[in-house]
Amino acid sequence: MKTTRVARSLMDRVFGGVCGGLGAYLGINPWWLRVTFVVLTLLSNGVVALLYLILWWILPPDLTPDVPHSGRDLGMLLVGVAIMLTGAVVLARGMGVLSGPGGADLFWPGVVMIMGAALLLQQLRRG
């Protein structure tokens, strides 16, 4: 049994193919995902745009666009978790939770640390 993975679409793309690939994987119209990404980017002060760029970077290109994708349940779970995390970050920033001593904003240093951890994990998976 072949395992199907999420991949960037090379056929259904507007910018990087992330929404086209996620739409094919989840079995939904990619335009819903595109609109969701734009709205959440505006509501999250650009955090979701950073998520899109990370997905663009880590998702491989789909080299078999004619093969149907499955895994809708796991994909919907991941999309739901991403939306909830975005909401939690926006709420935490609004409440001042992500502020350190003296009012220093801890959000962007945290984002850099998470991106570094993602890079490290990707390198460890390859090796």
N, C-alpha and C. Protein backbone atom coordinates (compact mmCIF):
# COMPACT_ATOMS: atom_id res chain seq x y z
N MET A 1 0.84 -1.18 0.00
CA MET A 1 0.00 0.00 0.00
C MET A 1 0.88 1.24 0.00
N LYS A 2 0.64 2.12 -0.93
CA LYS A 2 1.45 3.32 -1.08
C LYS A 2 0.93 4.43 -0.16
N THR A 3 1.85 5.08 0.56
CA THR A 3 1.50 6.19 1.43
C THR A 3 1.51 7.48 0.63
N THR A 4 0.44 8.25 0.72
CA THR A 4 0.34 9.52 0.01
C THR A 4 0.79 10.64 0.92
N ARG A 5 1.59 11.55 0.37
CA ARG A 5 2.13 12.67 1.15
C ARG A 5 1.59 13.98 0.60
N VAL A 6 1.63 15.00 1.44
CA VAL A 6 1.26 16.35 1.02
C VAL A 6 2.42 16.89 0.19
N ALA A 7 2.10 17.52 -0.93
CA ALA A 7 3.13 18.08 -1.81
C ALA A 7 2.60 19.35 -2.46
N ARG A 8 3.51 20.23 -2.85
CA ARG A 8 3.12 21.44 -3.59
C ARG A 8 2.67 21.04 -4.98
N SER A 9 1.59 21.64 -5.43
CA SER A 9 1.08 21.35 -6.76
C SER A 9 1.88 22.10 -7.81
N LEU A 10 2.23 21.40 -8.86
CA LEU A 10 2.91 22.04 -9.99
C LEU A 10 1.91 22.44 -11.07
N MET A 11 0.67 21.94 -10.95
CA MET A 11 -0.34 22.21 -11.95
C MET A 11 -1.33 23.29 -11.49
N ASP A 12 -1.77 23.22 -10.24
CA ASP A 12 -2.76 24.15 -9.69
C ASP A 12 -2.06 25.09 -8.72
N ARG A 13 -1.46 26.13 -9.27
CA ARG A 13 -0.69 27.05 -8.44
C ARG A 13 -0.96 28.48 -8.85
N VAL A 14 -0.98 29.36 -7.84
CA VAL A 14 -1.07 30.79 -8.06
C VAL A 14 0.25 31.43 -7.67
N PHE A 15 0.76 31.01 -6.52
CA PHE A 15 2.02 31.57 -6.04
C PHE A 15 3.08 30.48 -5.92
N GLY A 16 2.95 29.62 -4.94
CA GLY A 16 3.96 28.58 -4.75
C GLY A 16 3.43 27.17 -4.89
N GLY A 17 2.13 27.00 -5.06
CA GLY A 17 1.55 25.68 -5.20
C GLY A 17 1.16 25.03 -3.88
N VAL A 18 1.33 25.76 -2.76
CA VAL A 18 1.01 25.19 -1.45
C VAL A 18 -0.48 24.93 -1.33
N CYS A 19 -1.31 25.91 -1.63
CA CYS A 19 -2.76 25.74 -1.50
C CYS A 19 -3.29 24.72 -2.50
N GLY A 20 -2.74 24.69 -3.70
CA GLY A 20 -3.14 23.68 -4.68
C GLY A 20 -2.82 22.28 -4.19
N GLY A 21 -1.64 22.11 -3.61
CA GLY A 21 -1.26 20.80 -3.08
C GLY A 21 -2.07 20.40 -1.87
N LEU A 22 -2.30 21.37 -0.95
CA LEU A 22 -3.12 21.07 0.23
C LEU A 22 -4.56 20.77 -0.18
N GLY A 23 -5.07 21.51 -1.17
CA GLY A 23 -6.43 21.26 -1.64
C GLY A 23 -6.58 19.88 -2.25
N ALA A 24 -5.60 19.47 -3.04
CA ALA A 24 -5.64 18.12 -3.62
C ALA A 24 -5.54 17.06 -2.54
N TYR A 25 -4.72 17.28 -1.55
CA TYR A 25 -4.53 16.32 -0.46
C TYR A 25 -5.79 16.21 0.40
N LEU A 26 -6.43 17.35 0.69
CA LEU A 26 -7.61 17.37 1.53
C LEU A 26 -8.89 17.10 0.78
N GLY A 27 -8.84 17.18 -0.55
CA GLY A 27 -10.03 16.96 -1.36
C GLY A 27 -10.98 18.14 -1.35
N ILE A 28 -10.43 19.36 -1.21
CA ILE A 28 -11.27 20.56 -1.23
C ILE A 28 -10.74 21.53 -2.29
N ASN A 29 -11.56 22.49 -2.64
CA ASN A 29 -11.17 23.49 -3.63
C ASN A 29 -10.04 24.35 -3.06
N PRO A 30 -8.90 24.45 -3.76
CA PRO A 30 -7.78 25.23 -3.25
C PRO A 30 -8.08 26.71 -3.06
N TRP A 31 -9.11 27.23 -3.73
CA TRP A 31 -9.44 28.64 -3.56
C TRP A 31 -9.96 28.92 -2.16
N TRP A 32 -10.60 27.96 -1.51
CA TRP A 32 -10.99 28.14 -0.11
C TRP A 32 -9.75 28.30 0.76
N LEU A 33 -8.73 27.51 0.49
CA LEU A 33 -7.49 27.61 1.26
C LEU A 33 -6.78 28.93 0.98
N ARG A 34 -6.79 29.37 -0.27
CA ARG A 34 -6.15 30.64 -0.60
C ARG A 34 -6.81 31.80 0.13
N VAL A 35 -8.13 31.82 0.11
CA VAL A 35 -8.87 32.88 0.81
C VAL A 35 -8.59 32.80 2.31
N THR A 36 -8.57 31.58 2.86
CA THR A 36 -8.29 31.40 4.28
C THR A 36 -6.90 31.91 4.63
N PHE A 37 -5.90 31.58 3.80
CA PHE A 37 -4.54 32.06 4.05
C PHE A 37 -4.48 33.59 4.03
N VAL A 38 -5.15 34.21 3.08
CA VAL A 38 -5.12 35.68 2.99
C VAL A 38 -5.80 36.31 4.20
N VAL A 39 -6.99 35.82 4.56
CA VAL A 39 -7.72 36.39 5.70
C VAL A 39 -6.93 36.20 6.99
N LEU A 40 -6.41 34.98 7.21
CA LEU A 40 -5.65 34.74 8.43
C LEU A 40 -4.34 35.52 8.46
N THR A 41 -3.75 35.77 7.31
CA THR A 41 -2.54 36.59 7.26
C THR A 41 -2.85 38.01 7.72
N LEU A 42 -3.97 38.54 7.26
CA LEU A 42 -4.36 39.88 7.67
C LEU A 42 -4.70 39.95 9.15
N LEU A 43 -5.35 38.92 9.67
CA LEU A 43 -5.74 38.90 11.08
C LEU A 43 -4.58 38.61 12.02
N SER A 44 -3.53 37.99 11.51
CA SER A 44 -2.43 37.56 12.39
C SER A 44 -1.18 38.42 12.25
N ASN A 45 -1.31 39.56 11.62
CA ASN A 45 -0.15 40.45 11.42
C ASN A 45 0.98 39.76 10.66
N GLY A 46 0.63 38.90 9.72
CA GLY A 46 1.63 38.27 8.87
C GLY A 46 2.14 36.92 9.34
N VAL A 47 1.67 36.42 10.48
CA VAL A 47 2.15 35.13 10.98
C VAL A 47 1.82 34.00 10.01
N VAL A 48 0.62 34.02 9.46
CA VAL A 48 0.20 32.95 8.56
C VAL A 48 0.98 33.02 7.24
N ALA A 49 1.38 34.21 6.83
CA ALA A 49 2.23 34.33 5.65
C ALA A 49 3.56 33.62 5.89
N LEU A 50 4.07 33.73 7.10
CA LEU A 50 5.29 33.02 7.47
C LEU A 50 5.06 31.51 7.42
N LEU A 51 3.90 31.06 7.90
CA LEU A 51 3.55 29.64 7.82
C LEU A 51 3.51 29.18 6.36
N TYR A 52 2.92 30.00 5.47
CA TYR A 52 2.87 29.66 4.05
C TYR A 52 4.28 29.51 3.48
N LEU A 53 5.15 30.45 3.81
CA LEU A 53 6.53 30.37 3.31
C LEU A 53 7.26 29.14 3.82
N ILE A 54 7.01 28.78 5.08
CA ILE A 54 7.62 27.57 5.63
C ILE A 54 7.09 26.34 4.89
N LEU A 55 5.78 26.29 4.65
CA LEU A 55 5.21 25.17 3.90
C LEU A 55 5.77 25.11 2.49
N TRP A 56 5.93 26.26 1.85
CA TRP A 56 6.49 26.31 0.51
C TRP A 56 7.91 25.74 0.51
N TRP A 57 8.62 26.01 1.57
CA TRP A 57 10.01 25.57 1.66
C TRP A 57 10.12 24.08 1.98
N ILE A 58 9.26 23.55 2.87
CA ILE A 58 9.43 22.16 3.30
C ILE A 58 8.64 21.15 2.47
N LEU A 59 7.55 21.58 1.80
CA LEU A 59 6.78 20.62 1.01
C LEU A 59 7.47 20.34 -0.31
N PRO A 60 7.61 19.06 -0.65
CA PRO A 60 8.23 18.73 -1.94
C PRO A 60 7.25 19.00 -3.08
N PRO A 61 7.74 19.20 -4.29
CA PRO A 61 6.83 19.36 -5.42
C PRO A 61 6.14 18.04 -5.75
N ASP A 62 4.90 18.13 -6.19
CA ASP A 62 4.13 16.94 -6.56
C ASP A 62 4.54 16.52 -7.96
N LEU A 63 5.26 15.42 -8.06
CA LEU A 63 5.74 14.94 -9.35
C LEU A 63 4.78 13.98 -10.01
N THR A 64 3.67 13.64 -9.30
CA THR A 64 2.65 12.75 -9.86
C THR A 64 1.28 13.39 -9.73
N PRO A 65 0.99 14.44 -10.51
CA PRO A 65 -0.26 15.17 -10.34
C PRO A 65 -1.50 14.37 -10.72
N ASP A 66 -1.37 13.27 -11.47
CA ASP A 66 -2.52 12.50 -11.89
C ASP A 66 -2.96 11.46 -10.86
N VAL A 67 -2.16 11.23 -9.84
CA VAL A 67 -2.49 10.24 -8.82
C VAL A 67 -3.42 10.89 -7.80
N PRO A 68 -4.58 10.28 -7.52
CA PRO A 68 -5.47 10.88 -6.53
C PRO A 68 -4.87 10.80 -5.13
N HIS A 69 -5.15 11.81 -4.32
CA HIS A 69 -4.60 11.88 -2.97
C HIS A 69 -5.65 11.46 -1.96
N SER A 70 -5.18 10.95 -0.82
CA SER A 70 -6.07 10.60 0.28
C SER A 70 -5.51 11.21 1.55
N GLY A 71 -6.10 10.88 2.68
CA GLY A 71 -5.61 11.41 3.94
C GLY A 71 -6.36 12.65 4.38
N ARG A 72 -7.60 12.76 3.99
CA ARG A 72 -8.39 13.96 4.29
C ARG A 72 -8.48 14.21 5.79
N ASP A 73 -8.67 13.15 6.60
CA ASP A 73 -8.84 13.35 8.04
C ASP A 73 -7.60 13.95 8.69
N LEU A 74 -6.42 13.43 8.39
CA LEU A 74 -5.19 13.96 8.96
C LEU A 74 -4.95 15.38 8.46
N GLY A 75 -5.19 15.63 7.19
CA GLY A 75 -4.99 16.97 6.64
C GLY A 75 -5.90 17.99 7.29
N MET A 76 -7.17 17.64 7.49
CA MET A 76 -8.10 18.56 8.14
C MET A 76 -7.68 18.81 9.59
N LEU A 77 -7.17 17.79 10.24
CA LEU A 77 -6.68 17.96 11.60
C LEU A 77 -5.52 18.95 11.63
N LEU A 78 -4.58 18.82 10.68
CA LEU A 78 -3.43 19.72 10.63
C LEU A 78 -3.85 21.15 10.33
N VAL A 79 -4.80 21.33 9.42
CA VAL A 79 -5.29 22.67 9.11
C VAL A 79 -5.98 23.27 10.34
N GLY A 80 -6.78 22.47 11.04
CA GLY A 80 -7.45 22.95 12.24
C GLY A 80 -6.46 23.35 13.33
N VAL A 81 -5.42 22.55 13.51
CA VAL A 81 -4.40 22.86 14.51
C VAL A 81 -3.67 24.15 14.14
N ALA A 82 -3.35 24.32 12.86
CA ALA A 82 -2.67 25.54 12.41
C ALA A 82 -3.54 26.77 12.66
N ILE A 83 -4.83 26.65 12.41
CA ILE A 83 -5.73 27.79 12.64
C ILE A 83 -5.83 28.09 14.13
N MET A 84 -5.93 27.06 14.96
CA MET A 84 -6.02 27.29 16.41
C MET A 84 -4.73 27.90 16.95
N LEU A 85 -3.58 27.43 16.47
CA LEU A 85 -2.31 28.01 16.93
C LEU A 85 -2.19 29.47 16.53
N THR A 86 -2.64 29.79 15.32
CA THR A 86 -2.62 31.18 14.88
C THR A 86 -3.50 32.04 15.79
N GLY A 87 -4.68 31.54 16.11
CA GLY A 87 -5.56 32.28 17.01
C GLY A 87 -4.95 32.44 18.39
N ALA A 88 -4.28 31.40 18.88
CA ALA A 88 -3.64 31.47 20.20
C ALA A 88 -2.53 32.52 20.21
N VAL A 89 -1.75 32.58 19.13
CA VAL A 89 -0.66 33.56 19.06
C VAL A 89 -1.22 34.98 19.01
N VAL A 90 -2.26 35.18 18.20
CA VAL A 90 -2.87 36.51 18.11
C VAL A 90 -3.45 36.91 19.47
N LEU A 91 -4.12 35.99 20.15
CA LEU A 91 -4.67 36.27 21.47
C LEU A 91 -3.57 36.57 22.49
N ALA A 92 -2.51 35.77 22.48
CA ALA A 92 -1.41 35.97 23.42
C ALA A 92 -0.73 37.32 23.20
N ARG A 93 -0.55 37.70 21.94
CA ARG A 93 0.05 39.02 21.66
C ARG A 93 -0.87 40.13 22.13
N GLY A 94 -2.17 39.98 21.92
CA GLY A 94 -3.12 40.99 22.34
C GLY A 94 -3.18 41.15 23.85
N MET A 95 -2.96 40.06 24.58
CA MET A 95 -3.02 40.10 26.04
C MET A 95 -1.67 40.46 26.65
N GLY A 96 -0.64 40.59 25.82
CA GLY A 96 0.68 40.96 26.33
C GLY A 96 1.46 39.79 26.89
N VAL A 97 1.00 38.56 26.65
CA VAL A 97 1.67 37.37 27.16
C VAL A 97 3.04 37.19 26.52
N LEU A 98 3.19 37.60 25.29
CA LEU A 98 4.45 37.42 24.58
C LEU A 98 5.40 38.60 24.80
N SER A 99 5.17 39.36 25.85
CA SER A 99 6.06 40.48 26.17
C SER A 99 6.95 40.10 27.34
N GLY A 100 8.21 40.40 27.19
CA GLY A 100 9.17 40.10 28.25
C GLY A 100 9.35 41.29 29.18
N PRO A 101 10.39 41.23 30.01
CA PRO A 101 10.65 42.35 30.93
C PRO A 101 10.95 43.63 30.16
N GLY A 102 10.40 44.72 30.62
CA GLY A 102 10.63 46.00 29.96
C GLY A 102 9.80 46.17 28.71
N GLY A 103 8.82 45.28 28.47
CA GLY A 103 7.95 45.39 27.31
C GLY A 103 8.54 44.85 26.02
N ALA A 104 9.66 44.11 26.11
CA ALA A 104 10.28 43.55 24.90
C ALA A 104 9.35 42.51 24.28
N ASP A 105 9.19 42.57 22.98
CA ASP A 105 8.34 41.63 22.26
C ASP A 105 9.11 40.34 22.04
N LEU A 106 8.58 39.24 22.56
CA LEU A 106 9.24 37.94 22.44
C LEU A 106 8.74 37.13 21.25
N PHE A 107 7.80 37.69 20.48
CA PHE A 107 7.21 36.93 19.39
C PHE A 107 8.21 36.59 18.29
N TRP A 108 8.87 37.59 17.72
CA TRP A 108 9.78 37.34 16.59
C TRP A 108 11.00 36.51 16.98
N PRO A 109 11.60 36.71 18.16
CA PRO A 109 12.66 35.78 18.55
C PRO A 109 12.15 34.34 18.65
N GLY A 110 10.92 34.17 19.11
CA GLY A 110 10.33 32.83 19.17
C GLY A 110 10.14 32.24 17.79
N VAL A 111 9.71 33.07 16.83
CA VAL A 111 9.53 32.60 15.46
C VAL A 111 10.88 32.15 14.88
N VAL A 112 11.93 32.94 15.12
CA VAL A 112 13.26 32.57 14.62
C VAL A 112 13.71 31.25 15.24
N MET A 113 13.45 31.06 16.53
CA MET A 113 13.83 29.80 17.19
C MET A 113 13.07 28.61 16.59
N ILE A 114 11.79 28.78 16.32
CA ILE A 114 10.99 27.71 15.74
C ILE A 114 11.47 27.38 14.33
N MET A 115 11.80 28.42 13.55
CA MET A 115 12.31 28.17 12.19
C MET A 115 13.65 27.44 12.26
N GLY A 116 14.51 27.82 13.21
CA GLY A 116 15.77 27.11 13.38
C GLY A 116 15.56 25.66 13.75
N ALA A 117 14.61 25.39 14.64
CA ALA A 117 14.30 24.01 15.02
C ALA A 117 13.76 23.23 13.83
N ALA A 118 12.93 23.88 12.99
CA ALA A 118 12.41 23.20 11.79
C ALA A 118 13.54 22.86 10.83
N LEU A 119 14.48 23.78 10.65
CA LEU A 119 15.64 23.50 9.79
C LEU A 119 16.46 22.34 10.33
N LEU A 120 16.68 22.33 11.64
CA LEU A 120 17.45 21.26 12.26
C LEU A 120 16.76 19.91 12.08
N LEU A 121 15.45 19.87 12.32
CA LEU A 121 14.71 18.62 12.15
C LEU A 121 14.73 18.13 10.72
N GLN A 122 14.62 19.05 9.78
CA GLN A 122 14.67 18.66 8.37
C GLN A 122 16.03 18.06 8.01
N GLN A 123 17.09 18.65 8.52
CA GLN A 123 18.43 18.13 8.24
C GLN A 123 18.63 16.78 8.91
N LEU A 124 18.09 16.60 10.12
CA LEU A 124 18.22 15.32 10.80
C LEU A 124 17.44 14.22 10.08
N ARG A 125 16.29 14.55 9.48
CA ARG A 125 15.51 13.56 8.72
C ARG A 125 16.24 13.14 7.46
N ARG A 126 16.95 14.06 6.82
CA ARG A 126 17.68 13.75 5.58
C ARG A 126 18.88 12.86 5.85
N GLY A 127 19.52 13.07 7.00
CA GLY A 127 20.76 12.36 7.30
C GLY A 127 20.53 11.05 7.90
